[in-house]
Structures are given as C-alpha cells and as structure tokens.
Protein backbone atom coordinates (compact mmCIF):
# COMPACT_ATOMS: atom_id res chain seq x y z
CA UNK A 1 -4.99 22.30 -5.97
CA UNK A 2 -6.13 18.62 -4.71
CA UNK A 3 -9.54 17.78 -6.41
CA UNK A 4 -11.01 16.39 -3.31
CA UNK A 5 -14.48 15.60 -4.68
CA UNK A 6 -12.96 13.66 -7.56
CA UNK A 7 -10.74 11.85 -5.20
CA UNK A 8 -13.83 10.88 -3.00
CA UNK A 9 -15.66 9.59 -6.07
CA UNK A 10 -12.47 7.21 -7.33
CA UNK A 11 -12.61 5.70 -3.69
CA UNK A 12 -16.36 5.67 -3.39
CA UNK A 13 -16.99 7.97 -0.45
CA UNK A 14 -20.02 10.01 -0.90
CA UNK A 15 -18.66 12.74 1.18
CA UNK A 16 -15.69 14.09 3.53
CA UNK A 17 -14.85 12.30 6.23
CA UNK A 18 -14.95 13.78 9.95
CA UNK A 19 -11.33 14.98 11.03
CA UNK A 20 -10.71 12.41 14.05
CA UNK A 21 -9.66 9.01 14.32
CA UNK A 22 -12.97 7.28 13.16
CA UNK A 23 -12.56 9.75 9.91
CA UNK A 24 -9.09 8.76 9.30
CA UNK A 25 -9.74 5.11 9.55
CA UNK A 26 -12.67 5.37 7.23
CA UNK A 27 -10.66 7.47 4.50
CA UNK A 28 -7.82 4.93 4.67
CA UNK A 29 -10.12 1.78 4.39
CA UNK A 30 -12.13 3.39 1.54
CA UNK A 31 -8.69 4.29 -0.46
CA UNK A 32 -7.27 0.99 -0.20
CA UNK A 33 -10.48 -0.72 -1.31
CA UNK A 34 -10.44 1.33 -4.18
CA UNK A 35 -6.91 1.96 -5.42
CA UNK A 36 -5.00 -1.29 -6.11
CA UNK A 37 -1.21 -1.64 -5.00
CA UNK A 38 0.82 -1.87 -8.02
CA UNK A 39 4.24 -1.85 -9.87
CA UNK A 40 3.20 -2.16 -13.34
CA UNK A 41 4.95 1.05 -14.79
CA UNK A 42 8.44 0.12 -13.42
CA UNK A 43 8.08 -3.28 -15.25
CA UNK A 44 6.75 -1.35 -18.21
CA UNK A 45 10.26 0.73 -18.17
CA UNK A 46 8.38 3.80 -17.24
CA UNK A 47 9.41 6.23 -14.74
CA UNK A 48 7.76 6.86 -11.49
CA UNK A 49 6.78 10.41 -10.38
CA UNK A 50 5.65 11.30 -6.97
CA UNK A 51 4.97 14.63 -7.15
CA UNK A 52 1.10 15.55 -6.15
CA UNK A 53 0.10 16.19 -9.82
CA UNK A 54 1.54 13.23 -11.26
CA UNK A 55 0.22 10.87 -8.55
CA UNK A 56 -3.47 12.22 -9.01
CA UNK A 57 -3.49 11.98 -12.80
CA UNK A 58 -2.37 8.55 -12.62
CA UNK A 59 -4.18 7.03 -9.56
CA UNK A 60 -7.29 9.11 -9.90
CA UNK A 61 -7.56 10.58 -13.51
CA UNK A 62 -6.35 7.43 -14.92
CA UNK A 63 -7.86 4.90 -12.72
CA UNK A 64 -4.63 2.99 -11.99
CA UNK A 65 -2.77 1.83 -8.73
CA UNK A 66 0.81 2.30 -7.39
CA UNK A 67 3.19 1.58 -4.89
CA UNK A 68 3.96 3.10 -1.40
CA UNK A 69 5.25 6.41 -2.88
CA UNK A 70 2.54 7.11 -5.05
CA UNK A 71 -0.25 5.80 -2.90
CA UNK A 72 1.02 7.73 0.46
CA UNK A 73 1.59 10.94 -1.41
CA UNK A 74 -2.17 10.61 -2.78
CA UNK A 75 -3.34 9.81 0.91
CA UNK A 76 -1.46 12.64 2.50
CA UNK A 77 -2.78 15.37 -0.14
CA UNK A 78 -6.19 13.80 0.56
CA UNK A 79 -5.67 14.21 4.72
CA UNK A 80 -4.24 17.53 3.69
CA UNK A 81 -7.61 18.58 2.24
CA UNK A 82 -9.88 17.41 4.75
CA UNK A 83 -8.13 19.60 7.35
CA UNK A 84 -5.67 16.76 9.24
CA UNK A 85 -2.59 17.52 10.18
CA UNK A 86 -0.05 15.05 8.51
CA UNK A 87 3.41 14.27 7.28
CA UNK A 88 5.44 11.55 5.74
CA UNK A 89 7.48 8.86 7.22
CA UNK A 90 10.23 6.66 5.99
CA UNK A 91 10.32 2.77 7.04
CA UNK A 92 12.18 -0.49 6.63
CA UNK A 93 10.17 -3.49 5.41
CA UNK A 94 11.66 -6.50 7.09
CA UNK A 95 9.28 -9.12 5.49
CA UNK A 96 12.14 -11.75 4.22
CA UNK A 97 14.55 -9.40 5.08
CA UNK A 98 18.17 -11.09 5.79
CA UNK A 99 19.75 -8.05 6.57
CA UNK A 100 18.64 -4.56 7.44
CA UNK A 101 16.70 -3.29 4.72
CA UNK A 102 16.78 0.07 2.95
CA UNK A 103 14.37 3.01 3.75
CA UNK A 104 11.84 1.89 0.99
CA UNK A 105 8.54 2.56 2.36
CA UNK A 106 6.69 5.62 3.59
CA UNK A 107 3.51 6.07 5.58
CA UNK A 108 2.14 8.84 7.37
CA UNK A 109 1.91 10.23 10.92
CA UNK A 110 -1.26 11.82 11.82
CA UNK A 111 -1.80 14.45 14.77
CA UNK A 112 -5.46 14.12 16.16
CA UNK A 113 -6.36 15.66 19.41
CA UNK A 114 -2.89 15.69 20.85
CA UNK A 115 -2.19 11.98 19.85
CA UNK A 116 0.26 10.93 16.93
CA UNK A 117 -1.27 8.22 14.80
CA UNK A 118 0.38 6.30 11.88
CA UNK A 119 -1.75 5.52 8.68
CA UNK A 120 -0.71 3.66 5.85
CA UNK A 121 -2.51 3.54 2.56
CA UNK A 122 0.41 2.22 0.81
CA UNK A 123 1.59 -1.09 1.96
CA UNK A 124 1.00 -3.83 -0.42
CA UNK A 125 2.04 -6.52 2.11
CA UNK A 126 -1.33 -6.78 4.02
CA UNK A 127 -4.04 -4.15 5.59
CA UNK A 128 -3.03 -2.70 8.76
CA UNK A 129 -5.42 -0.24 10.40
CA UNK A 130 -4.55 3.58 11.64
CA UNK A 131 -3.08 2.99 15.03
CA UNK A 132 -2.43 5.47 17.92
CA UNK A 133 1.64 5.75 18.32
CA UNK A 134 1.66 3.76 21.66
CA UNK A 135 4.29 1.62 22.60
CA UNK A 136 2.50 -1.96 23.02
CA UNK A 137 -0.91 -1.00 21.58
CA UNK A 138 -2.79 -3.70 19.39
CA UNK A 139 -5.56 -3.41 16.77
CA UNK A 140 -7.37 -5.67 14.60
CA UNK A 141 -7.60 -5.30 11.23
CA UNK A 142 -10.88 -6.12 9.28
CA UNK A 143 -9.78 -9.36 8.02
CA UNK A 144 -8.97 -10.68 11.50
CA UNK A 145 -5.07 -10.00 11.60
CA UNK A 146 -3.98 -8.50 14.74
CA UNK A 147 -1.31 -5.42 14.86
CA UNK A 148 0.94 -4.58 17.36
CA UNK A 149 3.32 -1.31 17.72
CA UNK A 150 6.50 -1.70 19.86
CA UNK A 151 9.53 0.70 20.33
CA UNK A 152 12.70 -0.81 18.94
CA UNK A 153 15.85 0.19 20.44
CA UNK A 154 17.61 0.22 16.74
CA UNK A 155 14.88 1.14 14.48
CA UNK A 156 12.51 3.56 16.51
CA UNK A 157 9.11 1.74 15.99
CA UNK A 158 8.08 -1.60 14.76
CA UNK A 159 4.64 -2.81 13.55
CA UNK A 160 4.28 -6.37 13.85
CA UNK A 161 1.34 -8.70 12.32
CA UNK A 162 -0.22 -11.98 13.41
CA UNK A 163 -2.64 -13.40 10.93
CA UNK A 164 -3.46 -15.77 8.03
CA UNK A 165 -0.73 -15.90 5.40
CA UNK A 166 -3.05 -16.15 2.79
CA UNK A 167 -4.39 -12.46 3.88
CA UNK A 168 -0.91 -11.28 2.51
CA UNK A 169 0.78 -10.85 -0.68
CA UNK A 170 2.92 -14.14 -0.01
CA UNK A 171 5.86 -12.90 1.92
CA UNK A 172 4.44 -13.95 5.33
CA UNK A 173 6.24 -16.93 6.74
CA UNK A 174 3.30 -18.34 8.63
CA UNK A 175 0.84 -17.31 11.58
CA UNK A 176 2.32 -15.67 14.71
CA UNK A 177 3.98 -12.08 15.39
CA UNK A 178 5.90 -11.14 12.30
CA UNK A 179 7.64 -7.98 11.92
CA UNK A 180 6.08 -5.86 8.69
CA UNK A 181 8.22 -2.44 8.99
CA UNK A 182 10.12 -0.34 11.07
CA UNK A 183 10.05 3.48 11.13
CA UNK A 184 11.20 6.63 13.00
CA UNK A 185 9.42 9.78 13.33
CA UNK A 186 12.42 11.86 12.32
CA UNK A 187 11.64 14.71 9.58
CA UNK A 188 10.99 13.29 6.02
CA UNK A 189 12.06 15.87 3.40
CA UNK A 190 10.97 15.60 -0.42
CA UNK A 191 14.54 14.64 -1.15
CA UNK A 192 14.41 11.83 1.33
CA UNK A 193 11.28 10.60 -0.62
CA UNK A 194 13.02 11.16 -3.94
CA UNK A 195 15.99 9.02 -2.98
CA UNK A 196 13.77 6.09 -1.60
CA UNK A 197 11.29 6.06 -4.56
CA UNK A 198 14.45 5.98 -7.14
CA UNK A 199 16.02 2.95 -5.25
CA UNK A 200 12.58 1.21 -5.37
CA UNK A 201 12.24 1.65 -9.04
CA UNK A 202 15.69 1.07 -10.58
CA UNK A 203 17.83 -0.64 -7.90
CA UNK A 204 18.51 -4.31 -9.24
CA UNK A 205 17.75 -5.46 -5.73
CA UNK A 206 14.41 -3.95 -5.44
CA UNK A 207 11.45 -6.55 -5.52
CA UNK A 208 9.74 -4.54 -7.83
CA UNK A 209 12.31 -4.65 -10.78
CA UNK A 210 11.69 -8.51 -10.27
CA UNK A 211 8.18 -9.53 -10.75
CA UNK A 212 4.94 -7.85 -11.56
CA UNK A 213 3.22 -7.21 -8.37
CA UNK A 214 -0.60 -6.27 -7.92
CA UNK A 215 -2.71 -6.27 -5.01
CA UNK A 216 -6.24 -5.62 -3.85
CA UNK A 217 -8.15 -5.17 -0.37
CA UNK A 218 -11.30 -6.84 -0.15
CA UNK A 219 -13.86 -6.08 2.46
CA UNK A 220 -13.05 -9.25 4.23
CA UNK A 221 -10.07 -10.72 2.19
CA UNK A 222 -7.22 -9.71 -0.31
CA UNK A 223 -6.43 -10.69 -3.55
CA UNK A 224 -2.80 -10.88 -5.31
CA UNK A 225 -1.48 -11.43 -8.64
CA UNK A 226 2.29 -11.83 -8.84
CA UNK A 227 3.58 -12.53 -12.12
CA UNK A 228 1.01 -14.96 -13.57
CA UNK A 229 0.19 -16.29 -9.95
CA UNK A 230 -3.34 -15.35 -8.73
CA UNK A 231 -4.27 -16.11 -5.17
CA UNK A 232 -7.78 -14.53 -3.58
CA UNK A 233 -8.79 -15.36 -0.01
CA UNK A 234 -12.13 -13.86 1.68
CA UNK A 235 -12.84 -15.26 5.01
CA UNK A 236 -11.63 -19.12 5.35
CA UNK A 237 -11.90 -19.67 1.48
CA UNK A 238 -9.00 -19.25 -0.43
CA UNK A 239 -8.67 -19.70 -4.51
CA UNK A 240 -5.40 -19.78 -6.72
CA UNK A 241 -4.35 -20.21 -9.99
CA UNK A 242 -1.74 -19.84 -12.36
CA UNK A 243 -2.73 -18.15 -15.51
CA UNK A 244 -1.49 -19.21 -18.87
CA UNK A 245 -3.75 -17.46 -21.18
CA UNK A 246 -2.71 -13.54 -21.82
CA UNK A 247 -6.57 -12.84 -22.54
CA UNK A 248 -7.61 -14.15 -19.23
CA UNK A 249 -4.61 -12.01 -17.46
CA UNK A 250 -5.73 -9.19 -19.05
CA UNK A 251 -9.33 -9.71 -17.92
CA UNK A 252 -8.33 -10.65 -14.43
CA UNK A 253 -6.44 -7.67 -14.09
CA UNK A 254 -9.47 -5.33 -15.05
CA UNK A 255 -11.81 -7.50 -13.20
CA UNK A 256 -10.50 -8.06 -9.97
CA UNK A 257 -7.90 -5.23 -9.52
CA UNK A 258 -9.61 -2.58 -11.77
CA UNK A 259 -6.81 -1.83 -14.12
CA UNK A 260 -7.35 -1.79 -17.70
CA UNK A 261 -4.31 -2.32 -19.55
CA UNK A 262 -3.73 -2.01 -23.50
CA UNK A 263 -3.06 -4.81 -25.40
CA UNK A 264 0.33 -3.94 -25.74
CA UNK A 265 1.29 -3.43 -22.31
CA UNK A 266 -0.84 -6.76 -21.35
CA UNK A 267 1.64 -8.69 -24.17
CA UNK A 268 4.70 -7.17 -22.42
CA UNK A 269 3.55 -7.68 -18.78
CA UNK A 270 2.46 -11.16 -19.51
CA UNK A 271 5.95 -12.18 -21.47
CA UNK A 272 7.91 -11.15 -18.74
C-alpha cells in the first residue's frame, strides 16, 4: 500500500490536501519543490523501474529524483491515496523537435467536480501549474511564465508556454509562445508506459542517453545542472557556471538538488 504519510514528509507537507483544484495545485507544487528531476541512473547504466514500489523506494525512501515516468507514477499514487480520480496520459515533447517526436512523456488527467484537469509533476523543462482541460484557457506559473492549452487538429491538445528562457532547462528558444508538449486523452495502459520508458532510457536518440540532466523548481525560480553546466535563476537574477572540480560537482548536487551521490557515482558522472 502507498505510504501517504511518508510521502507527505518527503515533500514537506504537514497534512493531506483537499480533494479539489486547490488541493491538486498544492500537492503538485510541493512535489516539484522537493523532488528533483534527474536521469542519473540512466547515465550510470542502471535500469529504470516504473512500478509503484520501485518508484517509491527510489524517490521517497532513497531521497532521489527521477524523470517523468517515475515522478508521475509516484504522483498518481499520491493522488489516488488522497481520493482523487486520476489516470496517466502520454505526450510528445516538442522542445527543439525537428520532426514529430515520440510519446516519451507522461502526465496525469485528474477529474474534479465534473471537470477534467491536467497535472504534471514530472516535466523537467519548466513548471506548469495544473490546468482545466479547456480549449484556449491560460494560467500563470509561480515563476511568472504563462501557459495556454489549445486543441490541436493532429495531436489532440497542445500545451504552450510564454516566459523567460532562464526559467527552463535550456531548451527554450526564447520568449514568446512555444509548444511544450502535445497529448491526447486516449486510455493509456501499463504496457504503453513501459514502452515509452524503455525508449527514453535506452534509445540512442533519447536526450537522457546523451547528457547528465538535473533540475529543481525553486519558490520563485528554477535551477539546472546539465553535465557540468550549472544555472540558477530566481526572479530577475541569474547565475551560471561550469563546474571544473568533482568535489564541487558533488557538493552542488547535494546542496542545490538534494541528491547525495556516492564517491564512485560522482566520479563516473563527472567524467562523462
């Protein structure tokens, strides 16, 4: 069974949230503030398990992070433990895409008082708040970015973002409306999630096979560490640096992202 109390401790929430739109937003925000997005096990040659027990053991028990298939499995389990009606969706990430991308992202469809909402605790590119599934609706993110949902003739729905590129993982081309990902509301089965996760973790074209990627949401900003390149933006202030010392790399990983690497893992990741 899902240990809700331990999960809430992990994300620094003192109590359960209300089963409504405000509670959904509060739960997603706390999750993203506490649990980093990261692909380090992929880079270390370890398999990525996305069953509930494995995800809980890693992201909660071991205080690690994960990517979307891990993060949103944990988030869906937390939603269910609260009493929300929710199920997974699959999406195509369009950031820097040159052709139709594969379905390598997952998010959640949440039904609240007769209205469907999307919620995403596992998108590493930026922070988008939960939004009702309504064509043309817009919402403001806590970092000042604006998001819009629109119907897409070919791909179902498209989520767009307009905000400072410094509050993303670096794939944003600049300010102005940019497509983040498209999705449909088709039923998604465990086999579909397994297929998307397998491609993401193993295919040579997967972004997660090509770089060490870590990010975390900040109360008013965003921080990333891509390979040795660190960037942090809070409000209008931005700092960046290239890390040249493995000791600094390990310290930054711990202090900024809450990931405590072993000396061996740190040496392997720093050398890549």
